[in-house]
C-alpha atoms as a PDB file:
ATOM      1  CA  MET A   1     104.487  94.160 110.672  1.00  0.00           C
ATOM      2  CA  LYS A   2     107.048  95.008 108.129  1.00  0.00           C
ATOM      3  CA  ARG A   3     107.039  91.692 106.353  1.00  0.00           C
ATOM      4  CA  ILE A   4     103.119  91.454 106.425  1.00  0.00           C
ATOM      5  CA  PHE A   5     103.303  94.723 104.732  1.00  0.00           C
ATOM      6  CA  ILE A   6     105.653  93.571 101.877  1.00  0.00           C
ATOM      7  CA  LEU A   7     103.571  90.436 101.123  1.00  0.00           C
ATOM      8  CA  LEU A   8     100.450  92.359 100.731  1.00  0.00           C
ATOM      9  CA  THR A   9     102.249  95.002  98.609  1.00  0.00           C
ATOM     10  CA  ILE A  10     103.150  92.271  96.602  1.00  0.00           C
ATOM     11  CA  ALA A  11      99.685  90.330  96.293  1.00  0.00           C
ATOM     12  CA  LEU A  12      98.070  93.900  95.335  1.00  0.00           C
ATOM     13  CA  ALA A  13     100.663  93.819  92.542  1.00  0.00           C
ATOM     14  CA  ALA A  14      99.925  90.680  91.568  1.00  0.00           C
ATOM     15  CA  VAL A  15      95.915  91.656  90.755  1.00  0.00           C
ATOM     16  CA  GLY A  16      96.849  94.777  89.066  1.00  0.00           C
ATOM     17  CA  LEU A  17      94.904  97.619  91.228  1.00  0.00           C
ATOM     18  CA  PHE A  18      96.403 100.256  88.955  1.00  0.00           C
ATOM     19  CA  ALA A  19      93.618 100.739  85.821  1.00  0.00           C
ATOM     20  CA  GLU A  20      95.039 101.763  82.447  1.00  0.00           C
ATOM     21  CA  GLU A  21      92.934 103.049  79.674  1.00  0.00           C
ATOM     22  CA  ALA A  22      94.081 101.967  75.856  1.00  0.00           C
ATOM     23  CA  VAL A  23      92.467 102.214  72.502  1.00  0.00           C
ATOM     24  CA  LEU A  24      92.065  98.414  71.141  1.00  0.00           C
ATOM     25  CA  ILE A  25      91.478  99.168  67.929  1.00  0.00           C
ATOM     26  CA  ASP A  26      91.107 102.336  66.099  1.00  0.00           C
ATOM     27  CA  PHE A  27      89.697 102.276  62.727  1.00  0.00           C
ATOM     28  CA  THR A  28      91.131 105.753  61.692  1.00  0.00           C
ATOM     29  CA  LYS A  29      94.469 103.941  61.217  1.00  0.00           C
ATOM     30  CA  LEU A  30      92.949 101.225  59.035  1.00  0.00           C
ATOM     31  CA  GLY A  31      92.682 103.122  55.781  1.00  0.00           C
ATOM     32  CA  ALA A  32      94.404 101.778  52.628  1.00  0.00           C
ATOM     33  CA  ASP A  33      97.513 103.712  51.798  1.00  0.00           C
ATOM     34  CA  ILE A  34      99.707 101.222  49.732  1.00  0.00           C
ATOM     35  CA  LEU A  35      99.694  98.617  47.066  1.00  0.00           C
ATOM     36  CA  ALA A  36      97.241  99.905  44.329  1.00  0.00           C
ATOM     37  CA  PRO A  37      97.276  97.358  41.757  1.00  0.00           C
ATOM     38  CA  GLN A  38      97.446  98.793  37.920  1.00  0.00           C
ATOM     39  CA  PRO A  39      94.218 100.577  37.366  1.00  0.00           C
ATOM     40  CA  GLU A  40      92.058  99.607  34.211  1.00  0.00           C
ATOM     41  CA  GLU A  41      92.361 102.334  31.388  1.00  0.00           C
ATOM     42  CA  GLY A  42      90.435 105.793  32.175  1.00  0.00           C
ATOM     43  CA  GLN A  43      90.569 104.701  36.061  1.00  0.00           C
ATOM     44  CA  GLU A  44      92.510 106.170  39.107  1.00  0.00           C
ATOM     45  CA  PRO A  45      94.705 103.891  40.859  1.00  0.00           C
ATOM     46  CA  GLN A  46      93.224 102.650  44.274  1.00  0.00           C
ATOM     47  CA  ASN A  47      95.516 101.710  47.254  1.00  0.00           C
ATOM     48  CA  THR A  48      94.170  98.117  48.907  1.00  0.00           C
ATOM     49  CA  GLN A  49      96.073  97.678  52.065  1.00  0.00           C
ATOM     50  CA  ASN A  50      97.301  99.185  54.950  1.00  0.00           C
ATOM     51  CA  ARG A  51     100.691 100.119  55.630  1.00  0.00           C
ATOM     52  CA  ALA A  52     100.647  99.528  59.215  1.00  0.00           C
ATOM     53  CA  THR A  53      98.926  96.142  59.560  1.00  0.00           C
ATOM     54  CA  VAL A  54     100.105  94.275  56.482  1.00  0.00           C
ATOM     55  CA  MET A  55     100.906  90.697  56.751  1.00  0.00           C
ATOM     56  CA  ASP A  56     102.939  88.844  53.985  1.00  0.00           C
ATOM     57  CA  TYR A  57     102.012  85.079  53.961  1.00  0.00           C
ATOM     58  CA  GLY A  58     104.083  84.188  51.032  1.00  0.00           C
ATOM     59  CA  ALA A  59     106.602  82.867  53.171  1.00  0.00           C
ATOM     60  CA  VAL A  60     104.428  79.926  54.272  1.00  0.00           C
ATOM     61  CA  ALA A  61     102.905  79.210  50.585  1.00  0.00           C
ATOM     62  CA  GLY A  62     104.975  76.217  49.883  1.00  0.00           C
ATOM     63  CA  GLY A  63     107.482  75.700  46.799  1.00  0.00           C
ATOM     64  CA  SER A  64     104.320  75.084  44.065  1.00  0.00           C
ATOM     65  CA  PHE A  65     103.930  79.097  43.985  1.00  0.00           C
ATOM     66  CA  THR A  66     106.294  81.224  41.416  1.00  0.00           C
ATOM     67  CA  ASP A  67     108.150  84.109  43.071  1.00  0.00           C
ATOM     68  CA  GLU A  68     105.639  86.321  41.201  1.00  0.00           C
ATOM     69  CA  GLN A  69     102.557  84.674  43.056  1.00  0.00           C
ATOM     70  CA  LYS A  70     104.530  84.742  46.280  1.00  0.00           C
ATOM     71  CA  GLN A  71     104.968  88.385  45.642  1.00  0.00           C
ATOM     72  CA  ILE A  72     101.253  89.541  45.792  1.00  0.00           C
ATOM     73  CA  MET A  73     100.450  87.213  48.652  1.00  0.00           C
ATOM     74  CA  LYS A  74      99.820  89.979  50.925  1.00  0.00           C
ATOM     75  CA  THR A  75      96.579  91.248  53.087  1.00  0.00           C
ATOM     76  CA  SER A  76      96.108  93.418  56.136  1.00  0.00           C
ATOM     77  CA  LEU A  77      93.417  94.777  58.528  1.00  0.00           C
ATOM     78  CA  ALA A  78      92.597  97.587  55.540  1.00  0.00           C
ATOM     79  CA  LEU A  79      88.538  98.131  56.005  1.00  0.00           C
ATOM     80  CA  ARG A  80      87.615  96.773  52.925  1.00  0.00           C
ATOM     81  CA  ASN A  81      89.202  93.692  53.618  1.00  0.00           C
ATOM     82  CA  TRP A  82      86.656  93.098  56.846  1.00  0.00           C
ATOM     83  CA  ASN A  83      84.528  90.027  56.720  1.00  0.00           C
ATOM     84  CA  ILE A  84      81.091  90.013  57.579  1.00  0.00           C
ATOM     85  CA  THR A  85      79.188  86.807  58.216  1.00  0.00           C
ATOM     86  CA  LEU A  86      75.375  86.354  58.281  1.00  0.00           C
ATOM     87  CA  ALA A  87      73.323  83.895  60.612  1.00  0.00           C
ATOM     88  CA  SER A  88      72.828  80.417  58.260  1.00  0.00           C
ATOM     89  CA  SER A  89      69.348  81.106  58.428  1.00  0.00           C
ATOM     90  CA  SER A  90      69.813  84.456  56.549  1.00  0.00           C
ATOM     91  CA  ARG A  91      72.600  83.393  54.311  1.00  0.00           C
ATOM     92  CA  THR A  92      71.396  83.814  50.547  1.00  0.00           C
ATOM     93  CA  VAL A  93      73.536  84.625  47.445  1.00  0.00           C
ATOM     94  CA  ASN A  94      72.048  87.687  47.298  1.00  0.00           C
ATOM     95  CA  ARG A  95      72.127  88.741  50.873  1.00  0.00           C
ATOM     96  CA  GLU A  96      76.037  87.902  50.950  1.00  0.00           C
ATOM     97  CA  VAL A  97      76.389  90.013  48.023  1.00  0.00           C
ATOM     98  CA  LEU A  98      74.757  93.117  49.647  1.00  0.00           C
ATOM     99  CA  THR A  99      76.480  92.523  53.065  1.00  0.00           C
ATOM    100  CA  TYR A 100      80.351  93.962  53.032  1.00  0.00           C
ATOM    101  CA  ALA A 101      82.513  96.223  54.723  1.00  0.00           C
ATOM    102  CA  ASP A 102      84.001  99.525  53.240  1.00  0.00           C
ATOM    103  CA  GLU A 103      85.836 102.929  54.239  1.00  0.00           C
ATOM    104  CA  ALA A 104      83.655 105.639  55.082  1.00  0.00           C
ATOM    105  CA  GLN A 105      84.633 109.190  55.219  1.00  0.00           C
ATOM    106  CA  SER A 106      83.442 111.139  58.449  1.00  0.00           C
ATOM    107  CA  LYS A 107      83.910 114.950  58.621  1.00  0.00           C
ATOM    108  CA  GLN A 108      84.512 114.628  62.551  1.00  0.00           C
ATOM    109  CA  TYR A 109      86.741 111.682  62.134  1.00  0.00           C
ATOM    110  CA  GLY A 110      88.328 111.102  59.050  1.00  0.00           C
ATOM    111  CA  THR A 111      88.346 107.664  57.629  1.00  0.00           C
ATOM    112  CA  VAL A 112      85.908 104.903  59.718  1.00  0.00           C
ATOM    113  CA  LEU A 113      84.567 101.252  59.358  1.00  0.00           C
ATOM    114  CA  GLY A 114      81.339 101.268  57.597  1.00  0.00           C
ATOM    115  CA  VAL A 115      79.353  98.304  57.184  1.00  0.00           C
ATOM    116  CA  ARG A 116      76.352  97.321  55.340  1.00  0.00           C
ATOM    117  CA  VAL A 117      74.290  94.162  56.308  1.00  0.00           C
ATOM    118  CA  ASN A 118      71.369  92.930  54.491  1.00  0.00           C
ATOM    119  CA  PHE A 119      69.151  91.433  56.981  1.00  0.00           C
ATOM    120  CA  PRO A 120      65.991  89.356  56.171  1.00  0.00           C
ATOM    121  CA  THR A 121      62.772  91.306  56.204  1.00  0.00           C
ATOM    122  CA  GLU A 122      60.687  88.130  57.087  1.00  0.00           C
ATOM    123  CA  PRO A 123      59.771  87.867  60.933  1.00  0.00           C
ATOM    124  CA  TRP A 124      62.786  85.455  62.225  1.00  0.00           C
ATOM    125  CA  ASN A 125      65.740  86.647  64.475  1.00  0.00           C
ATOM    126  CA  SER A 126      69.228  87.049  62.769  1.00  0.00           C
ATOM    127  CA  TRP A 127      72.616  88.049  63.153  1.00  0.00           C
ATOM    128  CA  ALA A 128      75.696  89.625  61.253  1.00  0.00           C
ATOM    129  CA  LEU A 129      79.455  88.976  62.851  1.00  0.00           C
ATOM    130  CA  ILE A 130      81.893  91.742  61.681  1.00  0.00           C
ATOM    131  CA  LYS A 131      85.307  90.274  62.366  1.00  0.00           C
ATOM    132  CA  PRO A 132      88.818  91.270  60.545  1.00  0.00           C
ATOM    133  CA  PRO A 133      89.953  89.613  57.890  1.00  0.00           C
ATOM    134  CA  PHE A 134      92.686  87.372  59.804  1.00  0.00           C
ATOM    135  CA  GLU A 135      92.790  86.791  63.541  1.00  0.00           C
ATOM    136  CA  ILE A 136      95.054  89.783  64.989  1.00  0.00           C
ATOM    137  CA  PRO A 137      98.567  88.267  65.793  1.00  0.00           C
ATOM    138  CA  ALA A 138      99.362  89.067  69.235  1.00  0.00           C
ATOM    139  CA  PHE A 139     103.246  88.152  68.980  1.00  0.00           C
ATOM    140  CA  GLU A 140     104.161  89.264  65.228  1.00  0.00           C
ATOM    141  CA  PRO A 141     107.302  90.802  65.290  1.00  0.00           C
ATOM    142  CA  ALA A 142     107.223  95.099  64.842  1.00  0.00           C
ATOM    143  CA  GLY A 143     108.860  96.238  61.545  1.00  0.00           C
ATOM    144  CA  GLU A 144     108.935  99.108  59.255  1.00  0.00           C
ATOM    145  CA  VAL A 145     106.899  98.561  55.860  1.00  0.00           C
ATOM    146  CA  ASP A 146     107.873  99.679  52.286  1.00  0.00           C
ATOM    147  CA  ASP A 147     105.336 100.908  49.428  1.00  0.00           C
ATOM    148  CA  ASP A 148     105.516  97.570  48.431  1.00  0.00           C
ATOM    149  CA  GLY A 149     104.171  96.038  51.668  1.00  0.00           C
ATOM    150  CA  ASN A 150     107.339  94.430  52.226  1.00  0.00           C
ATOM    151  CA  VAL A 151     108.401  94.440  56.185  1.00  0.00           C
ATOM    152  CA  THR A 152     111.801  94.644  57.894  1.00  0.00           C
ATOM    153  CA  ALA A 153     111.887  93.548  61.306  1.00  0.00           C
ATOM    154  CA  ASN A 154     113.093  96.084  63.859  1.00  0.00           C
ATOM    155  CA  ASP A 155     114.698  95.827  67.403  1.00  0.00           C
ATOM    156  CA  SER A 156     111.416  97.228  69.278  1.00  0.00           C
ATOM    157  CA  ARG A 157     110.432  95.530  72.367  1.00  0.00           C
ATOM    158  CA  LEU A 158     106.666  95.877  71.356  1.00  0.00           C
ATOM    159  CA  SER A 159     105.008  93.707  68.662  1.00  0.00           C
ATOM    160  CA  ARG A 160     103.438  95.189  65.367  1.00  0.00           C
ATOM    161  CA  PHE A 161      99.858  95.119  66.366  1.00  0.00           C
ATOM    162  CA  GLU A 162     100.808  96.740  69.824  1.00  0.00           C
ATOM    163  CA  GLY A 163     101.304  99.766  67.466  1.00  0.00           C
ATOM    164  CA  PRO A 164     104.180 102.132  67.283  1.00  0.00           C
ATOM    165  CA  ASP A 165     106.291 103.365  70.621  1.00  0.00           C
ATOM    166  CA  GLY A 166     104.137 106.072  71.374  1.00  0.00           C
ATOM    167  CA  ASP A 167     106.382 108.118  73.934  1.00  0.00           C
ATOM    168  CA  GLU A 168     109.917 108.678  75.185  1.00  0.00           C
ATOM    169  CA  ASP A 169     109.446 105.688  77.663  1.00  0.00           C
ATOM    170  CA  GLY A 170     108.333 103.389  74.842  1.00  0.00           C
ATOM    171  CA  ARG A 171     105.012 102.885  75.849  1.00  0.00           C
ATOM    172  CA  PRO A 172     102.996 101.676  73.134  1.00  0.00           C
ATOM    173  CA  ASP A 173     100.303 104.027  70.865  1.00  0.00           C
ATOM    174  CA  TYR A 174      97.644 101.107  71.147  1.00  0.00           C
ATOM    175  CA  GLY A 175      95.138 100.810  68.343  1.00  0.00           C
ATOM    176  CA  LEU A 176      95.956  98.304  65.905  1.00  0.00           C
ATOM    177  CA  GLY A 177      94.059  95.597  68.122  1.00  0.00           C
ATOM    178  CA  VAL A 178      96.046  94.141  70.376  1.00  0.00           C
ATOM    179  CA  VAL A 179      96.662  95.522  74.165  1.00  0.00           C
ATOM    180  CA  LYS A 180      99.203  93.544  76.449  1.00  0.00           C
ATOM    181  CA  ASN A 181      99.792  93.525  80.159  1.00  0.00           C
ATOM    182  CA  VAL A 182      96.116  93.045  80.745  1.00  0.00           C
ATOM    183  CA  GLY A 183      94.637  91.646  84.304  1.00  0.00           C
ATOM    184  CA  THR A 184      90.718  92.200  84.495  1.00  0.00           C
ATOM    185  CA  VAL A 185      88.808  94.602  82.223  1.00  0.00           C
ATOM    186  CA  LYS A 186      86.685  96.689  84.091  1.00  0.00           C
ATOM    187  CA  SER A 187      84.848  98.408  80.886  1.00  0.00           C
ATOM    188  CA  ILE A 188      84.572  98.742  77.130  1.00  0.00           C
ATOM    189  CA  ALA A 189      83.297 101.820  75.377  1.00  0.00           C
ATOM    190  CA  VAL A 190      82.332 101.591  71.418  1.00  0.00           C
ATOM    191  CA  ASN A 191      82.511 104.992  69.525  1.00  0.00           C
ATOM    192  CA  VAL A 192      79.734 104.079  66.965  1.00  0.00           C
ATOM    193  CA  TYR A 193      77.403 106.230  64.617  1.00  0.00           C
ATOM    194  CA  GLY A 194      73.636 105.291  65.201  1.00  0.00           C
ATOM    195  CA  LEU A 195      71.208 105.756  62.474  1.00  0.00           C
ATOM    196  CA  GLN A 196      67.895 104.718  64.736  1.00  0.00           C
ATOM    197  CA  PHE A 197      68.086 101.041  63.966  1.00  0.00           C
ATOM    198  CA  PRO A 198      66.687  98.838  66.866  1.00  0.00           C
ATOM    199  CA  HIS A 199      69.428  96.551  66.656  1.00  0.00           C
ATOM    200  CA  SER A 200      72.087  95.511  69.310  1.00  0.00           C
ATOM    201  CA  LEU A 201      75.753  96.046  69.336  1.00  0.00           C
ATOM    202  CA  SER A 202      78.049  93.391  71.132  1.00  0.00           C
ATOM    203  CA  VAL A 203      81.842  93.655  71.173  1.00  0.00           C
ATOM    204  CA  ILE A 204      84.024  90.228  70.847  1.00  0.00           C
ATOM    205  CA  ILE A 205      87.544  90.246  72.616  1.00  0.00           C
ATOM    206  CA  ILE A 206      89.741  87.112  72.709  1.00  0.00           C
ATOM    207  CA  ASP A 207      91.978  87.011  75.690  1.00  0.00           C
ATOM    208  CA  SER A 208      95.738  85.338  75.947  1.00  0.00           C
ATOM    209  CA  GLU A 209      94.272  81.926  76.510  1.00  0.00           C
ATOM    210  CA  GLY A 210      92.165  82.201  73.179  1.00  0.00           C
ATOM    211  CA  ASN A 211      88.911  82.715  74.936  1.00  0.00           C
ATOM    212  CA  GLU A 212      86.347  84.791  73.013  1.00  0.00           C
ATOM    213  CA  LYS A 213      83.840  86.689  75.273  1.00  0.00           C
ATOM    214  CA  THR A 214      81.009  88.733  73.792  1.00  0.00           C
ATOM    215  CA  MET A 215      79.853  91.962  75.550  1.00  0.00           C
ATOM    216  CA  HIS A 216      76.272  93.747  74.875  1.00  0.00           C
ATOM    217  CA  MET A 217      76.858  97.329  74.512  1.00  0.00           C
ATOM    218  CA  GLY A 218      73.575  98.487  73.970  1.00  0.00           C
ATOM    219  CA  TYR A 219      71.355  99.290  70.966  1.00  0.00           C
ATOM    220  CA  LEU A 220      71.724 101.470  67.760  1.00  0.00           C
ATOM    221  CA  ASN A 221      68.342 103.314  68.183  1.00  0.00           C
ATOM    222  CA  PHE A 222      69.836 106.628  68.348  1.00  0.00           C
ATOM    223  CA  ASP A 223      71.031 109.033  65.526  1.00  0.00           C
ATOM    224  CA  GLY A 224      74.534 110.466  65.473  1.00  0.00           C
ATOM    225  CA  TRP A 225      77.972 109.483  66.881  1.00  0.00           C
ATOM    226  CA  ALA A 226      77.647 107.983  70.594  1.00  0.00           C
ATOM    227  CA  GLU A 227      79.702 106.267  73.015  1.00  0.00           C
ATOM    228  CA  LEU A 228      78.007 102.887  74.291  1.00  0.00           C
ATOM    229  CA  TYR A 229      79.505 101.164  77.368  1.00  0.00           C
ATOM    230  CA  TRP A 230      80.072  98.000  79.092  1.00  0.00           C
ATOM    231  CA  GLN A 231      80.688  97.736  82.869  1.00  0.00           C
ATOM    232  CA  ASN A 232      82.171  94.409  84.219  1.00  0.00           C
ATOM    233  CA  PRO A 233      79.468  93.255  86.748  1.00  0.00           C
ATOM    234  CA  ALA A 234      82.236  90.720  88.215  1.00  0.00           C
ATOM    235  CA  TYR A 235      84.491  93.769  88.726  1.00  0.00           C
ATOM    236  CA  VAL A 236      85.626  94.237  92.444  1.00  0.00           C
ATOM    237  CA  SER A 237      86.731  97.709  93.222  1.00  0.00           C
ATOM    238  CA  GLN A 238      87.240  97.537  96.916  1.00  0.00           C
ATOM    239  CA  VAL A 239      90.870  95.807  97.836  1.00  0.00           C
ATOM    240  CA  ARG A 240      89.648  94.294 101.319  1.00  0.00           C
ATOM    241  CA  ASN A 241      86.990  92.200  99.185  1.00  0.00           C
ATOM    242  CA  ARG A 242      89.654  90.827  96.495  1.00  0.00           C
ATOM    243  CA  GLU A 243      90.974  87.438  96.799  1.00  0.00           C
ATOM    244  CA  LEU A 244      94.753  87.965  97.209  1.00  0.00           C
ATOM    245  CA  ARG A 245      97.428  85.638  95.927  1.00  0.00           C
ATOM    246  CA  LEU A 246     100.942  85.610  95.401  1.00  0.00           C
ATOM    247  CA  TYR A 247     102.053  84.508  91.727  1.00  0.00           C
ATOM    248  CA  PRO A 248     105.487  84.156  90.548  1.00  0.00           C
ATOM    249  CA  LEU A 249     106.784  86.788  88.655  1.00  0.00           C
ATOM    250  CA  TYR A 250     108.798  84.964  86.548  1.00  0.00           C
ATOM    251  CA  PRO A 251     108.695  83.125  84.221  1.00  0.00           C
ATOM    252  CA  THR A 252     105.047  84.018  83.302  1.00  0.00           C
ATOM    253  CA  THR A 253     103.978  85.288  79.681  1.00  0.00           C
ATOM    254  CA  THR A 254     102.200  88.868  80.273  1.00  0.00           C
ATOM    255  CA  PRO A 255      98.811  88.487  79.471  1.00  0.00           C
ATOM    256  CA  PHE A 256      96.824  90.282  76.580  1.00  0.00           C
ATOM    257  CA  VAL A 257      93.345  90.993  75.116  1.00  0.00           C
ATOM    258  CA  LYS A 258      92.867  91.614  71.172  1.00  0.00           C
ATOM    259  CA  PHE A 259      90.179  92.493  69.176  1.00  0.00           C
ATOM    260  CA  GLY A 260      87.782  90.032  67.950  1.00  0.00           C
ATOM    261  CA  GLY A 261      84.941  91.886  65.950  1.00  0.00           C
ATOM    262  CA  PHE A 262      80.950  93.191  66.334  1.00  0.00           C
ATOM    263  CA  LEU A 263      78.043  91.438  66.821  1.00  0.00           C
ATOM    264  CA  ILE A 264      74.939  92.860  65.383  1.00  0.00           C
ATOM    265  CA  LYS A 265      71.494  91.308  66.394  1.00  0.00           C
ATOM    266  CA  ARG A 266      68.188  91.810  64.891  1.00  0.00           C
ATOM    267  CA  ASP A 267      65.007  90.563  66.677  1.00  0.00           C
ATOM    268  CA  ALA A 268      62.093  88.974  64.626  1.00  0.00           C
ATOM    269  CA  ASP A 269      59.661  91.792  65.352  1.00  0.00           C
ATOM    270  CA  LYS A 270      62.042  94.536  64.388  1.00  0.00           C
ATOM    271  CA  ILE A 271      62.262  95.986  61.097  1.00  0.00           C
ATOM    272  CA  GLY A 272      64.625  93.824  58.242  1.00  0.00           C
ATOM    273  CA  GLY A 273      66.125  94.727  55.111  1.00  0.00           C
ATOM    274  CA  ASP A 274      69.616  96.711  54.985  1.00  0.00           C
ATOM    275  CA  PHE A 275      71.274  97.978  58.209  1.00  0.00           C
ATOM    276  CA  VAL A 276      74.154 100.732  57.972  1.00  0.00           C
ATOM    277  CA  GLY A 277      76.477 101.591  60.737  1.00  0.00           C
ATOM    278  CA  TYR A 278      79.649 103.232  61.364  1.00  0.00           C
ATOM    279  CA  PHE A 279      82.399 102.727  63.891  1.00  0.00           C
ATOM    280  CA  ARG A 280      85.414 104.935  64.932  1.00  0.00           C
ATOM    281  CA  ASP A 281      86.950 102.918  67.668  1.00  0.00           C
ATOM    282  CA  VAL A 282      86.984 100.571  70.676  1.00  0.00           C
ATOM    283  CA  LYS A 283      88.528 101.237  74.124  1.00  0.00           C
ATOM    284  CA  ILE A 284      89.128  99.722  77.117  1.00  0.00           C
ATOM    285  CA  ILE A 285      90.036 100.314  80.970  1.00  0.00           C
ATOM    286  CA  TYR A 286      91.902  97.716  82.518  1.00  0.00           C
ATOM    287  CA  ASP A 287      93.633  96.379  85.856  1.00  0.00           C
ATOM    288  CA  LYS A 288      97.343  95.961  84.898  1.00  0.00           C
ATOM    289  CA  ALA A 289      98.190  92.182  84.987  1.00  0.00           C
ATOM    290  CA  VAL A 290     101.905  93.047  85.973  1.00  0.00           C
ATOM    291  CA  LEU A 291     103.491  96.054  87.670  1.00  0.00           C
ATOM    292  CA  ASP A 292     106.272  98.031  85.725  1.00  0.00           C
ATOM    293  CA  THR A 293     109.246  97.069  87.887  1.00  0.00           C
ATOM    294  CA  GLU A 294     113.422  97.122  87.673  1.00  0.00           C
ATOM    295  CA  PRO A 295     114.532  93.903  89.474  1.00  0.00           C
ATOM    296  CA  ASP A 296     118.031  93.589  90.262  1.00  0.00           C
ATOM    297  CA  ILE A 297     118.511  90.537  88.001  1.00  0.00           C
ATOM    298  CA  ASP A 298     117.522  90.175  84.371  1.00  0.00           C
ATOM    299  CA  ASN A 299     116.015  87.043  84.317  1.00  0.00           C
ATOM    300  CA  GLU A 300     114.805  87.135  80.816  1.00  0.00           C
ATOM    301  CA  GLY A 301     118.273  88.059  79.664  1.00  0.00           C
ATOM    302  CA  LEU A 302     119.730  84.947  81.652  1.00  0.00           C
ATOM    303  CA  TRP A 303     117.192  81.900  80.629  1.00  0.00           C
ATOM    304  CA  HIS A 304     115.126  83.362  77.582  1.00  0.00           C
ATOM    305  CA  ILE A 305     112.214  81.312  78.762  1.00  0.00           C
ATOM    306  CA  ILE A 306     109.662  83.918  77.628  1.00  0.00           C
ATOM    307  CA  GLN A 307     111.129  84.488  74.555  1.00  0.00           C
ATOM    308  CA  ASP A 308     111.324  80.831  73.862  1.00  0.00           C
ATOM    309  CA  ARG A 309     107.673  80.461  74.271  1.00  0.00           C
ATOM    310  CA  GLU A 310     107.049  83.943  72.260  1.00  0.00           C
ATOM    311  CA  THR A 311     108.927  82.766  69.447  1.00  0.00           C
ATOM    312  CA  ALA A 312     106.979  79.349  69.375  1.00  0.00           C
ATOM    313  CA  LYS A 313     103.724  81.139  69.189  1.00  0.00           C
ATOM    314  CA  LYS A 314     104.696  83.607  66.533  1.00  0.00           C
ATOM    315  CA  LYS A 315     105.369  80.468  64.385  1.00  0.00           C
ATOM    316  CA  TRP A 316     101.889  78.842  65.094  1.00  0.00           C
ATOM    317  CA  GLU A 317     100.226  81.963  64.498  1.00  0.00           C
ATOM    318  CA  MET A 318     102.049  82.591  61.142  1.00  0.00           C
ATOM    319  CA  SER A 319     101.228  78.739  60.178  1.00  0.00           C
ATOM    320  CA  ARG A 320      97.544  79.142  60.798  1.00  0.00           C
ATOM    321  CA  PHE A 321      97.166  82.697  59.536  1.00  0.00           C
ATOM    322  CA  GLY A 322      99.089  81.538  56.256  1.00  0.00           C
ATOM    323  CA  GLN A 323      96.791  78.548  55.477  1.00  0.00           C
ATOM    324  CA  GLN A 324      93.667  80.564  55.574  1.00  0.00           C
ATOM    325  CA  GLN A 325      95.100  83.098  53.463  1.00  0.00           C
ATOM    326  CA  ILE A 326      96.611  80.828  50.723  1.00  0.00           C
ATOM    327  CA  LEU A 327      93.119  78.814  50.301  1.00  0.00           C
ATOM    328  CA  ARG A 328      91.466  82.619  49.731  1.00  0.00           C
ATOM    329  CA  TYR A 329      94.000  83.177  47.303  1.00  0.00           C
ATOM    330  CA  LEU A 330      93.650  80.205  45.174  1.00  0.00           C
ATOM    331  CA  GLU A 331      89.834  80.488  45.382  1.00  0.00           C
ATOM    332  CA  GLN A 332      90.247  84.065  43.957  1.00  0.00           C
ATOM    333  CA  GLN A 333      92.879  82.697  41.247  1.00  0.00           C
ATOM    334  CA  LYS A 334      89.703  79.965  39.952  1.00  0.00           C
ATOM    335  CA  GLN A 335      87.344  83.164  40.193  1.00  0.00           C
ATOM    336  CA  ALA A 336      85.721  84.113  36.716  1.00  0.00           C
ATOM    337  CA  THR A 337      86.817  87.761  35.792  1.00  0.00           C
ATOM    338  CA  GLU A 338      85.004  87.784  32.532  1.00  0.00           C
ATOM    339  CA  ASN A 339      81.637  90.104  32.912  1.00  0.00           C
ATOM    340  CA  SER A 340      80.032  89.504  29.323  1.00  0.00           C
ATOM    341  CA  PHE A 341      80.595  86.849  26.675  1.00  0.00           C
ATOM    342  CA  THR A 342      82.922  87.540  23.633  1.00  0.00           C
ATOM    343  CA  PRO A 343      81.000  88.537  20.730  1.00  0.00           C
ATOM    344  CA  SER A 344      80.917  85.611  18.015  1.00  0.00           C
ATOM    345  CA  PRO A 345      82.969  86.198  14.748  1.00  0.00           C
ATOM    346  CA  THR A 346      81.194  87.177  12.012  1.00  0.00           C
ATOM    347  CA  THR A 347      81.425  85.472   8.339  1.00  0.00           C
ATOM    348  CA  GLU A 348      82.024  87.733   4.931  1.00  0.00           C
ATOM    349  CA  GLY A 349      79.451  89.470   3.930  1.00  0.00           C
ATOM    350  CA  GLY A 350      78.210  90.633   7.743  1.00  0.00           C
ATOM    351  CA  GLN A 351      76.392  87.284   8.693  1.00  0.00           C
ATOM    352  CA  ASN A 352      77.063  84.813  11.416  1.00  0.00           C
END
């Protein structure tokens, strides 16, 4: 009987029956607070990047760039950097110019994510995908960031996009896009400001296997701040109805989820034109994948299997992230900066 009880306890720990709540992403933490370029005459300097999430892709840029060019190869999850992609049938130059993300100041919450989407007015279905400027890395080492965006790694056991240590036990202060040790997601909540638009809202999350999942949250046909909820229809609350299995406790990489974006859908029979919305945060309730325990032997300290796997994943994430950002940098350098033609020189006597 005692042996059966021990096996059952291990099985329950493996499926993770202890639900946790965490903020997957908190947009109030993503305001631009560093790296203000030299302003033009008569203008105030304006910060462009977010300190907590800045990423330096100059290290993977290659030898054809100068040190000065590599120094400015930085980006972050600053709200103005977020991308909005329209459905291909709605993608015109004018609509893309009028579709973008920005910082918005809320009297209740402070800085939040504001989006403007220019949907077609014609009667056809359309959608807009709101995504971070890069796929949020799950294994980026934690570090301190100075005013120039330079990151100095520290010895924190957390990765940088989990958030800083939030309490004395070293638990993460989540909100930068990644939550680890996630088994089954039970429910999701989005704090969003509605302006009585009839469009639908969905949340995209990415699991540790790279699978994207889109959850329909509801409609934005209300006025003011509200929380929209998604409840997992496949979540099994009763322990006796769960399939109980034994899994090796080492060497398994702790599963995680990361924020993938929002999806706004506009139906053909609904109003088109400009859509405006604001987002405060996304929260999840989930089962732990692995219980926090104190084993008799430090398996990882002896074998380093998980460390070797995560180091390889870090290198892969950085190379993938850097390639895309370098292409954007090159395109930006080729972009025309002149807004008007240079006046033609006049001849002596005042005639051209």
